[in-house]
Amino acid sequence: MHSRTTCIINWTENSCPLTGKLEPVVEKGQKLDKNEANRPDGRDQVGTKARHRTGPGQFEGKRAVVSQIVSALFRAYCVAVLVALPALLLPTVASDTAQIVVVIALLAALLTFMEYYGKYPSIVEFRFAPPFNRIKFIALAVSIITISLIMRGKTDPNGLTEVLAMTGDALGRVIDFPYSPVRLVILMLPPDAGPGLIGDVRTAAGISYAVSLVMMLVFVTYVRMLNWPMRKGSFNVWVNLPLFDPTRGGDVVDRLKRDAGVNIVLGALLPFIIPTAIKATSDIIDPVSVANPQTLIWTITAWAFLPASMLIRGIALSRVAELIEAKRRRVYGKDGANGLQEA
């Protein structure tokens, strides 16, 4: 007999309740009949069957390894291209800046490949619960590509850049109302900022904030209407939350709800807090100049994307806590019903 530890949320009747502790599940191995094992030709027959089963298994294993390598390389390539894209699209980039961008892109690609090549994740959360990370990557790519094209249109205009600039300017003006995040970003600029810089910041902020809102709306749709993350029938908490330590004490559900609340509150407040904090410390610390196009792209994108990422992470943690609670009620209710019937 051998034991293995599993604790996966699924909706089958034989699944274990998730209480924050891993529960042992004992499996019985098959016993070979003594008379069959003592037959003269028994060893040859068993060996022949084993050889027939090993070939397809090894082939499938090699194919899975190759598929995992290709998938990791593709993700690493996408991340590297996204990091280097603003430098590639902008017409004038200093040589030193280009070298730094290349180094950062290679490091990001290496980290991505190592993370997705491993069998189990070490940093990336919800790796086996698509499309959580795909939604974030697509939103980040849309924001960076759009703002980069608009900045490129300042010197090399074409039809696409003009359409994107008009769309971004319209979004920025719609969201630019008193006490809005876009208005606070504009107020963050120094007093001597010209109307051109103010317009660029408003356009970039409007696009980034609109994309972040769409990202949150899409994820909430997956959670509430498409039953994320249970679309494939099972969800492993410990594999998809590698940074969550279940042994720190306390109930797992309470801790997940607390972390979800913290992420949601910070995600909702950071777009307002960051510009205010930068403006308040501008007299002491020299703020980052957004006059540089690359600085403008990455600063405004991070200002909108990071809080939105925290918001959808809080929603995901809250969803996981709901699934655990539902599973506990199902299992404990079943156990109670069985106890009453036996009595």
C-alpha atoms as a PDB file:
ATOM      1  CA  MET A   1       0.000   0.000   0.000  1.00  0.00           C
ATOM      2  CA  HIS A   2       1.222   3.496  -0.677  1.00  0.00           C
ATOM      3  CA  SER A   3      -0.151   6.913   0.161  1.00  0.00           C
ATOM      4  CA  ARG A   4      -0.186  10.116  -1.700  1.00  0.00           C
ATOM      5  CA  THR A   5      -1.416  13.547  -0.645  1.00  0.00           C
ATOM      6  CA  THR A   6      -3.986  15.307  -2.757  1.00  0.00           C
ATOM      7  CA  CYS A   7      -6.340  18.155  -2.127  1.00  0.00           C
ATOM      8  CA  ILE A   8      -8.058  19.406  -5.278  1.00  0.00           C
ATOM      9  CA  ILE A   9     -11.321  21.242  -5.459  1.00  0.00           C
ATOM     10  CA  ASN A  10     -13.643  19.379  -7.770  1.00  0.00           C
ATOM     11  CA  TRP A  11     -17.257  18.473  -7.863  1.00  0.00           C
ATOM     12  CA  THR A  12     -16.976  14.683  -7.803  1.00  0.00           C
ATOM     13  CA  GLU A  13     -18.466  12.769  -4.908  1.00  0.00           C
ATOM     14  CA  ASN A  14     -15.176  11.191  -3.786  1.00  0.00           C
ATOM     15  CA  SER A  15     -13.165  14.414  -3.553  1.00  0.00           C
ATOM     16  CA  CYS A  16     -11.710  15.550  -0.236  1.00  0.00           C
ATOM     17  CA  PRO A  17     -12.945  18.650   1.634  1.00  0.00           C
ATOM     18  CA  LEU A  18     -10.474  21.480   1.511  1.00  0.00           C
ATOM     19  CA  THR A  19      -9.912  22.635   5.114  1.00  0.00           C
ATOM     20  CA  GLY A  20      -6.455  24.111   4.731  1.00  0.00           C
ATOM     21  CA  LYS A  21      -4.758  20.811   5.518  1.00  0.00           C
ATOM     22  CA  LEU A  22      -3.713  18.152   3.087  1.00  0.00           C
ATOM     23  CA  GLU A  23      -5.532  14.918   3.670  1.00  0.00           C
ATOM     24  CA  PRO A  24      -3.961  11.515   2.960  1.00  0.00           C
ATOM     25  CA  VAL A  25      -5.666   9.290   0.461  1.00  0.00           C
ATOM     26  CA  VAL A  26      -4.683   5.611   0.574  1.00  0.00           C
ATOM     27  CA  GLU A  27      -4.707   3.569  -2.577  1.00  0.00           C
ATOM     28  CA  LYS A  28      -4.501  -0.227  -2.812  1.00  0.00           C
ATOM     29  CA  GLY A  29      -2.166  -1.796  -5.305  1.00  0.00           C
ATOM     30  CA  GLN A  30      -3.128  -4.796  -7.340  1.00  0.00           C
ATOM     31  CA  LYS A  31      -1.836  -8.153  -6.068  1.00  0.00           C
ATOM     32  CA  LEU A  32      -0.604 -10.756  -8.474  1.00  0.00           C
ATOM     33  CA  ASP A  33      -2.104 -14.186  -8.085  1.00  0.00           C
ATOM     34  CA  LYS A  34       0.433 -16.622  -6.618  1.00  0.00           C
ATOM     35  CA  ASN A  35      -0.353 -19.419  -9.047  1.00  0.00           C
ATOM     36  CA  GLU A  36      -0.066 -17.060 -11.999  1.00  0.00           C
ATOM     37  CA  ALA A  37       3.253 -15.681 -10.711  1.00  0.00           C
ATOM     38  CA  ASN A  38       4.690 -19.189 -10.275  1.00  0.00           C
ATOM     39  CA  ARG A  39       3.886 -20.305 -13.801  1.00  0.00           C
ATOM     40  CA  PRO A  40       6.972 -20.845 -15.980  1.00  0.00           C
ATOM     41  CA  ASP A  41       5.706 -18.508 -18.675  1.00  0.00           C
ATOM     42  CA  GLY A  42       4.276 -15.953 -16.284  1.00  0.00           C
ATOM     43  CA  ARG A  43       7.439 -13.839 -16.204  1.00  0.00           C
ATOM     44  CA  ASP A  44       7.659 -13.748 -19.984  1.00  0.00           C
ATOM     45  CA  GLN A  45       4.019 -12.735 -20.323  1.00  0.00           C
ATOM     46  CA  VAL A  46       4.269  -9.992 -17.740  1.00  0.00           C
ATOM     47  CA  GLY A  47       7.529  -8.731 -19.263  1.00  0.00           C
ATOM     48  CA  THR A  48       6.027  -8.668 -22.741  1.00  0.00           C
ATOM     49  CA  LYS A  49       3.030  -6.646 -21.568  1.00  0.00           C
ATOM     50  CA  ALA A  50       5.266  -4.233 -19.765  1.00  0.00           C
ATOM     51  CA  ARG A  51       7.339  -3.665 -22.875  1.00  0.00           C
ATOM     52  CA  HIS A  52       4.212  -3.011 -24.938  1.00  0.00           C
ATOM     53  CA  ARG A  53       3.003  -0.421 -22.390  1.00  0.00           C
ATOM     54  CA  THR A  54       6.338   1.354 -22.020  1.00  0.00           C
ATOM     55  CA  GLY A  55       6.719   2.418 -25.660  1.00  0.00           C
ATOM     56  CA  PRO A  56       3.577   4.592 -25.976  1.00  0.00           C
ATOM     57  CA  GLY A  57       4.131   5.987 -22.484  1.00  0.00           C
ATOM     58  CA  GLN A  58       7.649   7.120 -23.300  1.00  0.00           C
ATOM     59  CA  PHE A  59       6.475   8.658 -26.571  1.00  0.00           C
ATOM     60  CA  GLU A  60       3.712  10.588 -24.833  1.00  0.00           C
ATOM     61  CA  GLY A  61       6.159  11.735 -22.156  1.00  0.00           C
ATOM     62  CA  LYS A  62       8.622  13.069 -24.744  1.00  0.00           C
ATOM     63  CA  ARG A  63       5.835  14.801 -26.625  1.00  0.00           C
ATOM     64  CA  ALA A  64       4.645  16.461 -23.407  1.00  0.00           C
ATOM     65  CA  VAL A  65       8.176  17.695 -22.637  1.00  0.00           C
ATOM     66  CA  VAL A  66       8.593  19.119 -26.150  1.00  0.00           C
ATOM     67  CA  SER A  67       5.181  20.799 -25.926  1.00  0.00           C
ATOM     68  CA  GLN A  68       6.090  22.345 -22.578  1.00  0.00           C
ATOM     69  CA  ILE A  69       9.399  23.667 -23.915  1.00  0.00           C
ATOM     70  CA  VAL A  70       7.719  25.182 -26.981  1.00  0.00           C
ATOM     71  CA  SER A  71       5.029  26.781 -24.807  1.00  0.00           C
ATOM     72  CA  ALA A  72       7.626  28.245 -22.438  1.00  0.00           C
ATOM     73  CA  LEU A  73       9.712  29.592 -25.336  1.00  0.00           C
ATOM     74  CA  PHE A  74       6.662  31.181 -26.946  1.00  0.00           C
ATOM     75  CA  ARG A  75       5.673  32.932 -23.709  1.00  0.00           C
ATOM     76  CA  ALA A  76       9.248  34.102 -23.148  1.00  0.00           C
ATOM     77  CA  TYR A  77       9.369  35.483 -26.698  1.00  0.00           C
ATOM     78  CA  CYS A  78       6.086  37.355 -26.213  1.00  0.00           C
ATOM     79  CA  VAL A  79       7.306  38.915 -22.966  1.00  0.00           C
ATOM     80  CA  ALA A  80      10.638  39.963 -24.515  1.00  0.00           C
ATOM     81  CA  VAL A  81       8.911  41.555 -27.512  1.00  0.00           C
ATOM     82  CA  LEU A  82       6.468  43.401 -25.264  1.00  0.00           C
ATOM     83  CA  VAL A  83       9.279  44.825 -23.124  1.00  0.00           C
ATOM     84  CA  ALA A  84      11.265  45.971 -26.168  1.00  0.00           C
ATOM     85  CA  LEU A  85       8.267  47.167 -28.188  1.00  0.00           C
ATOM     86  CA  PRO A  86       8.244  50.839 -27.117  1.00  0.00           C
ATOM     87  CA  ALA A  87      11.929  51.175 -28.003  1.00  0.00           C
ATOM     88  CA  LEU A  88      11.268  49.501 -31.355  1.00  0.00           C
ATOM     89  CA  LEU A  89       8.268  51.681 -32.260  1.00  0.00           C
ATOM     90  CA  LEU A  90       9.579  55.051 -31.142  1.00  0.00           C
ATOM     91  CA  PRO A  91      11.643  56.740 -33.880  1.00  0.00           C
ATOM     92  CA  THR A  92      14.330  58.280 -31.658  1.00  0.00           C
ATOM     93  CA  VAL A  93      15.866  56.139 -28.906  1.00  0.00           C
ATOM     94  CA  ALA A  94      19.294  56.710 -27.407  1.00  0.00           C
ATOM     95  CA  SER A  95      21.838  53.925 -27.797  1.00  0.00           C
ATOM     96  CA  ASP A  96      22.291  53.572 -24.030  1.00  0.00           C
ATOM     97  CA  THR A  97      18.549  53.291 -23.541  1.00  0.00           C
ATOM     98  CA  ALA A  98      18.307  50.654 -26.270  1.00  0.00           C
ATOM     99  CA  GLN A  99      21.021  48.558 -24.612  1.00  0.00           C
ATOM    100  CA  ILE A 100      19.273  48.733 -21.236  1.00  0.00           C
ATOM    101  CA  VAL A 101      15.976  47.750 -22.839  1.00  0.00           C
ATOM    102  CA  VAL A 102      17.586  44.732 -24.521  1.00  0.00           C
ATOM    103  CA  VAL A 103      19.054  43.543 -21.215  1.00  0.00           C
ATOM    104  CA  ILE A 104      15.731  43.953 -19.402  1.00  0.00           C
ATOM    105  CA  ALA A 105      13.886  42.128 -22.209  1.00  0.00           C
ATOM    106  CA  LEU A 106      16.306  39.195 -22.063  1.00  0.00           C
ATOM    107  CA  LEU A 107      16.017  38.968 -18.278  1.00  0.00           C
ATOM    108  CA  ALA A 108      12.223  39.048 -18.457  1.00  0.00           C
ATOM    109  CA  ALA A 109      12.245  36.347 -21.146  1.00  0.00           C
ATOM    110  CA  LEU A 110      14.598  34.163 -19.095  1.00  0.00           C
ATOM    111  CA  LEU A 111      12.470  34.444 -15.968  1.00  0.00           C
ATOM    112  CA  THR A 112       9.325  33.671 -17.955  1.00  0.00           C
ATOM    113  CA  PHE A 113      10.886  30.615 -19.574  1.00  0.00           C
ATOM    114  CA  MET A 114      12.132  29.261 -16.250  1.00  0.00           C
ATOM    115  CA  GLU A 115       8.736  29.804 -14.654  1.00  0.00           C
ATOM    116  CA  TYR A 116       6.738  28.068 -17.388  1.00  0.00           C
ATOM    117  CA  TYR A 117       9.273  25.346 -18.105  1.00  0.00           C
ATOM    118  CA  GLY A 118       9.093  24.082 -14.538  1.00  0.00           C
ATOM    119  CA  LYS A 119       6.492  21.494 -13.711  1.00  0.00           C
ATOM    120  CA  TYR A 120       5.181  23.563 -10.828  1.00  0.00           C
ATOM    121  CA  PRO A 121       5.153  27.382 -10.619  1.00  0.00           C
ATOM    122  CA  SER A 122       7.186  29.301  -8.075  1.00  0.00           C
ATOM    123  CA  ILE A 123       5.999  32.893  -8.587  1.00  0.00           C
ATOM    124  CA  VAL A 124       3.234  33.075 -11.189  1.00  0.00           C
ATOM    125  CA  GLU A 125      -0.191  32.648  -9.625  1.00  0.00           C
ATOM    126  CA  PHE A 126      -3.140  30.906 -11.289  1.00  0.00           C
ATOM    127  CA  ARG A 127      -0.854  29.406 -13.918  1.00  0.00           C
ATOM    128  CA  PHE A 128      -3.143  26.392 -14.348  1.00  0.00           C
ATOM    129  CA  ALA A 129      -6.343  28.462 -14.240  1.00  0.00           C
ATOM    130  CA  PRO A 130      -6.585  30.207 -17.608  1.00  0.00           C
ATOM    131  CA  PRO A 131      -7.353  32.819 -18.752  1.00  0.00           C
ATOM    132  CA  PHE A 132      -6.274  34.765 -15.620  1.00  0.00           C
ATOM    133  CA  ASN A 133      -2.723  35.551 -16.771  1.00  0.00           C
ATOM    134  CA  ARG A 134      -3.695  35.769 -20.433  1.00  0.00           C
ATOM    135  CA  ILE A 135      -6.205  38.528 -19.724  1.00  0.00           C
ATOM    136  CA  LYS A 136      -3.570  40.525 -17.853  1.00  0.00           C
ATOM    137  CA  PHE A 137      -0.969  40.067 -20.578  1.00  0.00           C
ATOM    138  CA  ILE A 138      -3.370  41.040 -23.360  1.00  0.00           C
ATOM    139  CA  ALA A 139      -4.492  44.151 -21.470  1.00  0.00           C
ATOM    140  CA  LEU A 140      -0.887  45.171 -20.806  1.00  0.00           C
ATOM    141  CA  ALA A 141       0.036  44.601 -24.456  1.00  0.00           C
ATOM    142  CA  VAL A 142      -2.929  46.599 -25.740  1.00  0.00           C
ATOM    143  CA  SER A 143      -2.097  49.532 -23.494  1.00  0.00           C
ATOM    144  CA  ILE A 144       1.629  49.583 -24.336  1.00  0.00           C
ATOM    145  CA  ILE A 145       1.147  49.107 -28.093  1.00  0.00           C
ATOM    146  CA  THR A 146      -1.568  51.757 -28.339  1.00  0.00           C
ATOM    147  CA  ILE A 147       0.333  54.421 -26.409  1.00  0.00           C
ATOM    148  CA  SER A 148       3.552  53.603 -28.293  1.00  0.00           C
ATOM    149  CA  LEU A 149       1.830  54.039 -31.640  1.00  0.00           C
ATOM    150  CA  ILE A 150       0.346  57.351 -30.521  1.00  0.00           C
ATOM    151  CA  MET A 151       3.794  58.583 -29.430  1.00  0.00           C
ATOM    152  CA  ARG A 152       5.227  57.423 -32.758  1.00  0.00           C
ATOM    153  CA  GLY A 153       2.518  59.388 -34.560  1.00  0.00           C
ATOM    154  CA  LYS A 154       3.928  62.602 -33.117  1.00  0.00           C
ATOM    155  CA  THR A 155       6.831  62.377 -35.572  1.00  0.00           C
ATOM    156  CA  ASP A 156       5.695  59.760 -38.137  1.00  0.00           C
ATOM    157  CA  PRO A 157       1.919  60.141 -38.414  1.00  0.00           C
ATOM    158  CA  ASN A 158      -0.291  57.835 -40.424  1.00  0.00           C
ATOM    159  CA  GLY A 159      -3.943  56.878 -40.497  1.00  0.00           C
ATOM    160  CA  LEU A 160      -3.718  54.366 -37.657  1.00  0.00           C
ATOM    161  CA  THR A 161      -1.853  56.669 -35.286  1.00  0.00           C
ATOM    162  CA  GLU A 162      -4.294  59.514 -35.963  1.00  0.00           C
ATOM    163  CA  VAL A 163      -7.310  57.295 -35.203  1.00  0.00           C
ATOM    164  CA  LEU A 164      -5.697  56.013 -32.003  1.00  0.00           C
ATOM    165  CA  ALA A 165      -4.767  59.553 -30.945  1.00  0.00           C
ATOM    166  CA  MET A 166      -8.311  60.824 -31.440  1.00  0.00           C
ATOM    167  CA  THR A 167      -9.748  57.809 -29.579  1.00  0.00           C
ATOM    168  CA  GLY A 168      -7.314  58.239 -26.696  1.00  0.00           C
ATOM    169  CA  ASP A 169      -7.967  61.973 -26.481  1.00  0.00           C
ATOM    170  CA  ALA A 170     -11.728  61.343 -26.376  1.00  0.00           C
ATOM    171  CA  LEU A 171     -11.349  58.710 -23.620  1.00  0.00           C
ATOM    172  CA  GLY A 172      -9.073  60.981 -21.632  1.00  0.00           C
ATOM    173  CA  ARG A 173     -11.498  63.918 -21.808  1.00  0.00           C
ATOM    174  CA  VAL A 174     -14.437  61.699 -20.784  1.00  0.00           C
ATOM    175  CA  ILE A 175     -12.599  60.382 -17.711  1.00  0.00           C
ATOM    176  CA  ASP A 176     -11.003  63.764 -16.922  1.00  0.00           C
ATOM    177  CA  PHE A 177     -13.547  65.100 -14.430  1.00  0.00           C
ATOM    178  CA  PRO A 178     -12.888  66.583 -10.964  1.00  0.00           C
ATOM    179  CA  TYR A 179     -11.290  64.154  -8.479  1.00  0.00           C
ATOM    180  CA  SER A 180     -10.995  61.431 -11.122  1.00  0.00           C
ATOM    181  CA  PRO A 181      -7.752  59.405 -11.423  1.00  0.00           C
ATOM    182  CA  VAL A 182      -6.976  61.029 -14.786  1.00  0.00           C
ATOM    183  CA  ARG A 183      -7.409  64.522 -13.334  1.00  0.00           C
ATOM    184  CA  LEU A 184      -5.067  63.626 -10.461  1.00  0.00           C
ATOM    185  CA  VAL A 185      -2.442  62.395 -12.918  1.00  0.00           C
ATOM    186  CA  ILE A 186      -2.635  65.686 -14.812  1.00  0.00           C
ATOM    187  CA  LEU A 187      -2.330  67.643 -11.563  1.00  0.00           C
ATOM    188  CA  MET A 188       0.786  65.616 -10.793  1.00  0.00           C
ATOM    189  CA  LEU A 189       2.625  67.387 -13.629  1.00  0.00           C
ATOM    190  CA  PRO A 190       4.887  70.332 -12.815  1.00  0.00           C
ATOM    191  CA  PRO A 191       3.421  73.842 -13.138  1.00  0.00           C
ATOM    192  CA  ASP A 192       5.543  74.623 -16.182  1.00  0.00           C
ATOM    193  CA  ALA A 193       4.166  71.669 -18.197  1.00  0.00           C
ATOM    194  CA  GLY A 194       3.049  72.731 -21.651  1.00  0.00           C
ATOM    195  CA  PRO A 195      -0.325  71.949 -23.244  1.00  0.00           C
ATOM    196  CA  GLY A 196       1.272  69.331 -25.503  1.00  0.00           C
ATOM    197  CA  LEU A 197       2.614  67.333 -22.540  1.00  0.00           C
ATOM    198  CA  ILE A 198      -0.689  67.696 -20.697  1.00  0.00           C
ATOM    199  CA  GLY A 199      -2.532  66.380 -23.760  1.00  0.00           C
ATOM    200  CA  ASP A 200      -0.174  63.418 -24.109  1.00  0.00           C
ATOM    201  CA  VAL A 201      -0.552  62.503 -20.440  1.00  0.00           C
ATOM    202  CA  ARG A 202      -4.338  62.817 -20.629  1.00  0.00           C
ATOM    203  CA  THR A 203      -4.469  60.617 -23.728  1.00  0.00           C
ATOM    204  CA  ALA A 204      -2.176  57.944 -22.274  1.00  0.00           C
ATOM    205  CA  ALA A 205      -4.001  57.960 -18.930  1.00  0.00           C
ATOM    206  CA  GLY A 206      -7.389  57.689 -20.618  1.00  0.00           C
ATOM    207  CA  ILE A 207      -6.309  54.696 -22.712  1.00  0.00           C
ATOM    208  CA  SER A 208      -4.577  52.873 -19.832  1.00  0.00           C
ATOM    209  CA  TYR A 209      -7.445  53.396 -17.405  1.00  0.00           C
ATOM    210  CA  ALA A 210     -10.062  52.363 -19.967  1.00  0.00           C
ATOM    211  CA  VAL A 211      -8.103  49.197 -20.811  1.00  0.00           C
ATOM    212  CA  SER A 212      -7.779  48.341 -17.112  1.00  0.00           C
ATOM    213  CA  LEU A 213     -11.536  48.752 -16.631  1.00  0.00           C
ATOM    214  CA  VAL A 214     -12.224  46.471 -19.598  1.00  0.00           C
ATOM    215  CA  MET A 215      -9.764  43.923 -18.186  1.00  0.00           C
ATOM    216  CA  MET A 216     -11.608  43.841 -14.868  1.00  0.00           C
ATOM    217  CA  LEU A 217     -14.986  43.580 -16.612  1.00  0.00           C
ATOM    218  CA  VAL A 218     -13.824  40.634 -18.732  1.00  0.00           C
ATOM    219  CA  PHE A 219     -12.441  38.798 -15.716  1.00  0.00           C
ATOM    220  CA  VAL A 220     -15.595  39.348 -13.665  1.00  0.00           C
ATOM    221  CA  THR A 221     -17.569  37.941 -16.610  1.00  0.00           C
ATOM    222  CA  TYR A 222     -15.423  34.807 -16.574  1.00  0.00           C
ATOM    223  CA  VAL A 223     -15.903  34.432 -12.827  1.00  0.00           C
ATOM    224  CA  ARG A 224     -19.647  35.038 -12.595  1.00  0.00           C
ATOM    225  CA  MET A 225     -20.950  33.761 -15.924  1.00  0.00           C
ATOM    226  CA  LEU A 226     -18.378  31.218 -17.124  1.00  0.00           C
ATOM    227  CA  ASN A 227     -17.724  29.586 -13.722  1.00  0.00           C
ATOM    228  CA  TRP A 228     -14.026  30.378 -13.483  1.00  0.00           C
ATOM    229  CA  PRO A 229     -11.885  28.537 -12.370  1.00  0.00           C
ATOM    230  CA  MET A 230     -14.049  25.391 -12.453  1.00  0.00           C
ATOM    231  CA  ARG A 231     -14.558  25.314 -16.221  1.00  0.00           C
ATOM    232  CA  LYS A 232     -12.320  22.234 -16.556  1.00  0.00           C
ATOM    233  CA  GLY A 233     -13.802  20.464 -13.537  1.00  0.00           C
ATOM    234  CA  SER A 234     -11.018  20.834 -10.969  1.00  0.00           C
ATOM    235  CA  PHE A 235      -8.838  23.484  -9.359  1.00  0.00           C
ATOM    236  CA  ASN A 236      -5.699  22.827  -7.326  1.00  0.00           C
ATOM    237  CA  VAL A 237      -5.328  25.579  -4.742  1.00  0.00           C
ATOM    238  CA  TRP A 238      -1.740  24.927  -3.738  1.00  0.00           C
ATOM    239  CA  VAL A 239      -0.362  24.738  -7.292  1.00  0.00           C
ATOM    240  CA  ASN A 240      -2.173  27.878  -8.444  1.00  0.00           C
ATOM    241  CA  LEU A 241      -1.220  29.870  -5.341  1.00  0.00           C
ATOM    242  CA  PRO A 242       2.499  29.109  -4.901  1.00  0.00           C
ATOM    243  CA  LEU A 243       3.073  32.210  -2.731  1.00  0.00           C
ATOM    244  CA  PHE A 244       0.231  31.346  -0.342  1.00  0.00           C
ATOM    245  CA  ASP A 245       1.517  29.511   2.735  1.00  0.00           C
ATOM    246  CA  PRO A 246      -1.237  27.296   4.231  1.00  0.00           C
ATOM    247  CA  THR A 247       0.822  26.507   7.361  1.00  0.00           C
ATOM    248  CA  ARG A 248       1.081  30.027   8.769  1.00  0.00           C
ATOM    249  CA  GLY A 249      -1.884  29.410  11.043  1.00  0.00           C
ATOM    250  CA  GLY A 250      -5.519  30.322  10.983  1.00  0.00           C
ATOM    251  CA  ASP A 251      -8.303  29.112   8.771  1.00  0.00           C
ATOM    252  CA  VAL A 252      -7.502  29.070   5.077  1.00  0.00           C
ATOM    253  CA  VAL A 253     -10.839  30.621   4.078  1.00  0.00           C
ATOM    254  CA  ASP A 254     -10.461  33.521   6.514  1.00  0.00           C
ATOM    255  CA  ARG A 255      -6.955  34.235   5.285  1.00  0.00           C
ATOM    256  CA  LEU A 256      -8.021  34.121   1.639  1.00  0.00           C
ATOM    257  CA  LYS A 257     -10.879  36.520   2.337  1.00  0.00           C
ATOM    258  CA  ARG A 258      -8.560  38.873   4.231  1.00  0.00           C
ATOM    259  CA  ASP A 259      -6.002  38.877   1.409  1.00  0.00           C
ATOM    260  CA  ALA A 260      -8.783  39.397  -1.134  1.00  0.00           C
ATOM    261  CA  GLY A 261     -10.104  42.398   0.779  1.00  0.00           C
ATOM    262  CA  VAL A 262      -6.656  43.961   1.066  1.00  0.00           C
ATOM    263  CA  ASN A 263      -6.021  43.548  -2.668  1.00  0.00           C
ATOM    264  CA  ILE A 264      -9.409  44.986  -3.632  1.00  0.00           C
ATOM    265  CA  VAL A 265      -9.053  48.009  -1.357  1.00  0.00           C
ATOM    266  CA  LEU A 266      -5.503  48.775  -2.509  1.00  0.00           C
ATOM    267  CA  GLY A 267      -6.410  48.232  -6.150  1.00  0.00           C
ATOM    268  CA  ALA A 268      -9.289  50.681  -5.874  1.00  0.00           C
ATOM    269  CA  LEU A 269      -7.305  53.363  -4.007  1.00  0.00           C
ATOM    270  CA  LEU A 270      -3.873  53.248  -5.665  1.00  0.00           C
ATOM    271  CA  PRO A 271      -4.882  55.184  -8.826  1.00  0.00           C
ATOM    272  CA  PHE A 272      -5.804  58.057  -6.483  1.00  0.00           C
ATOM    273  CA  ILE A 273      -2.979  57.630  -3.945  1.00  0.00           C
ATOM    274  CA  ILE A 274      -0.031  57.404  -6.369  1.00  0.00           C
ATOM    275  CA  PRO A 275      -0.491  60.809  -8.087  1.00  0.00           C
ATOM    276  CA  THR A 276      -1.251  62.477  -4.761  1.00  0.00           C
ATOM    277  CA  ALA A 277       1.857  61.001  -3.151  1.00  0.00           C
ATOM    278  CA  ILE A 278       4.063  62.038  -6.080  1.00  0.00           C
ATOM    279  CA  LYS A 279       2.665  65.575  -5.970  1.00  0.00           C
ATOM    280  CA  ALA A 280       3.140  65.812  -2.202  1.00  0.00           C
ATOM    281  CA  THR A 281       6.783  64.698  -2.365  1.00  0.00           C
ATOM    282  CA  SER A 282       7.705  66.671  -5.483  1.00  0.00           C
ATOM    283  CA  ASP A 283       9.330  69.400  -3.371  1.00  0.00           C
ATOM    284  CA  ILE A 284      11.586  66.875  -1.604  1.00  0.00           C
ATOM    285  CA  ILE A 285      12.174  64.245  -4.278  1.00  0.00           C
ATOM    286  CA  ASP A 286      12.598  65.051  -7.942  1.00  0.00           C
ATOM    287  CA  PRO A 287       9.669  63.271  -9.642  1.00  0.00           C
ATOM    288  CA  VAL A 288      10.125  61.167 -12.731  1.00  0.00           C
ATOM    289  CA  SER A 289       9.840  63.277 -15.853  1.00  0.00           C
ATOM    290  CA  VAL A 290       7.170  62.006 -18.224  1.00  0.00           C
ATOM    291  CA  ALA A 291       8.377  64.257 -21.023  1.00  0.00           C
ATOM    292  CA  ASN A 292      10.383  61.298 -22.339  1.00  0.00           C
ATOM    293  CA  PRO A 293       8.054  59.105 -24.445  1.00  0.00           C
ATOM    294  CA  GLN A 294       9.323  55.801 -23.043  1.00  0.00           C
ATOM    295  CA  THR A 295       9.016  57.065 -19.482  1.00  0.00           C
ATOM    296  CA  LEU A 296       5.499  58.278 -20.253  1.00  0.00           C
ATOM    297  CA  ILE A 297       4.505  54.905 -21.701  1.00  0.00           C
ATOM    298  CA  TRP A 298       5.759  52.776 -18.821  1.00  0.00           C
ATOM    299  CA  THR A 299       4.769  55.167 -16.026  1.00  0.00           C
ATOM    300  CA  ILE A 300       1.177  55.672 -17.113  1.00  0.00           C
ATOM    301  CA  THR A 301       0.746  51.998 -17.995  1.00  0.00           C
ATOM    302  CA  ALA A 302       2.041  50.894 -14.584  1.00  0.00           C
ATOM    303  CA  TRP A 303      -0.169  53.479 -12.855  1.00  0.00           C
ATOM    304  CA  ALA A 304      -3.302  51.926 -14.374  1.00  0.00           C
ATOM    305  CA  PHE A 305      -2.270  48.271 -14.754  1.00  0.00           C
ATOM    306  CA  LEU A 306      -0.870  47.436 -11.305  1.00  0.00           C
ATOM    307  CA  PRO A 307      -3.979  48.508  -9.338  1.00  0.00           C
ATOM    308  CA  ALA A 308      -6.223  46.686 -11.816  1.00  0.00           C
ATOM    309  CA  SER A 309      -4.080  43.550 -11.393  1.00  0.00           C
ATOM    310  CA  MET A 310      -4.492  43.775  -7.632  1.00  0.00           C
ATOM    311  CA  LEU A 311      -8.243  44.134  -8.058  1.00  0.00           C
ATOM    312  CA  ILE A 312      -8.645  41.029 -10.204  1.00  0.00           C
ATOM    313  CA  ARG A 313      -6.306  39.116  -7.860  1.00  0.00           C
ATOM    314  CA  GLY A 314      -8.580  40.045  -4.969  1.00  0.00           C
ATOM    315  CA  ILE A 315     -11.610  38.901  -6.955  1.00  0.00           C
ATOM    316  CA  ALA A 316      -9.845  35.609  -7.765  1.00  0.00           C
ATOM    317  CA  LEU A 317      -8.910  34.975  -4.114  1.00  0.00           C
ATOM    318  CA  SER A 318     -12.473  35.721  -3.042  1.00  0.00           C
ATOM    319  CA  ARG A 319     -13.729  33.247  -5.638  1.00  0.00           C
ATOM    320  CA  VAL A 320     -11.380  30.547  -4.370  1.00  0.00           C
ATOM    321  CA  ALA A 321     -12.587  31.145  -0.804  1.00  0.00           C
ATOM    322  CA  GLU A 322     -16.206  30.756  -1.986  1.00  0.00           C
ATOM    323  CA  LEU A 323     -15.372  27.452  -3.672  1.00  0.00           C
ATOM    324  CA  ILE A 324     -13.700  26.124  -0.531  1.00  0.00           C
ATOM    325  CA  GLU A 325     -16.678  27.093   1.609  1.00  0.00           C
ATOM    326  CA  ALA A 326     -19.116  25.490  -0.830  1.00  0.00           C
ATOM    327  CA  LYS A 327     -17.063  22.302  -0.887  1.00  0.00           C
ATOM    328  CA  ARG A 328     -16.969  22.162   2.898  1.00  0.00           C
ATOM    329  CA  ARG A 329     -20.746  22.535   3.120  1.00  0.00           C
ATOM    330  CA  ARG A 330     -21.266  19.760   0.590  1.00  0.00           C
ATOM    331  CA  VAL A 331     -18.918  17.312   2.281  1.00  0.00           C
ATOM    332  CA  TYR A 332     -19.933  18.091   5.849  1.00  0.00           C
ATOM    333  CA  GLY A 333     -23.605  17.960   4.932  1.00  0.00           C
ATOM    334  CA  LYS A 334     -23.110  14.572   3.306  1.00  0.00           C
ATOM    335  CA  ASP A 335     -21.212  13.251   6.333  1.00  0.00           C
ATOM    336  CA  GLY A 336     -23.960  14.476   8.651  1.00  0.00           C
ATOM    337  CA  ALA A 337     -26.653  12.822   6.563  1.00  0.00           C
ATOM    338  CA  ASN A 338     -24.744   9.531   6.536  1.00  0.00           C
ATOM    339  CA  GLY A 339     -24.332   9.711  10.303  1.00  0.00           C
ATOM    340  CA  LEU A 340     -28.066  10.174  10.842  1.00  0.00           C
ATOM    341  CA  GLN A 341     -28.865   7.249   8.558  1.00  0.00           C
ATOM    342  CA  GLU A 342     -26.446   4.938  10.372  1.00  0.00           C
ATOM    343  CA  ALA A 343     -27.884   5.878  13.757  1.00  0.00           C
END
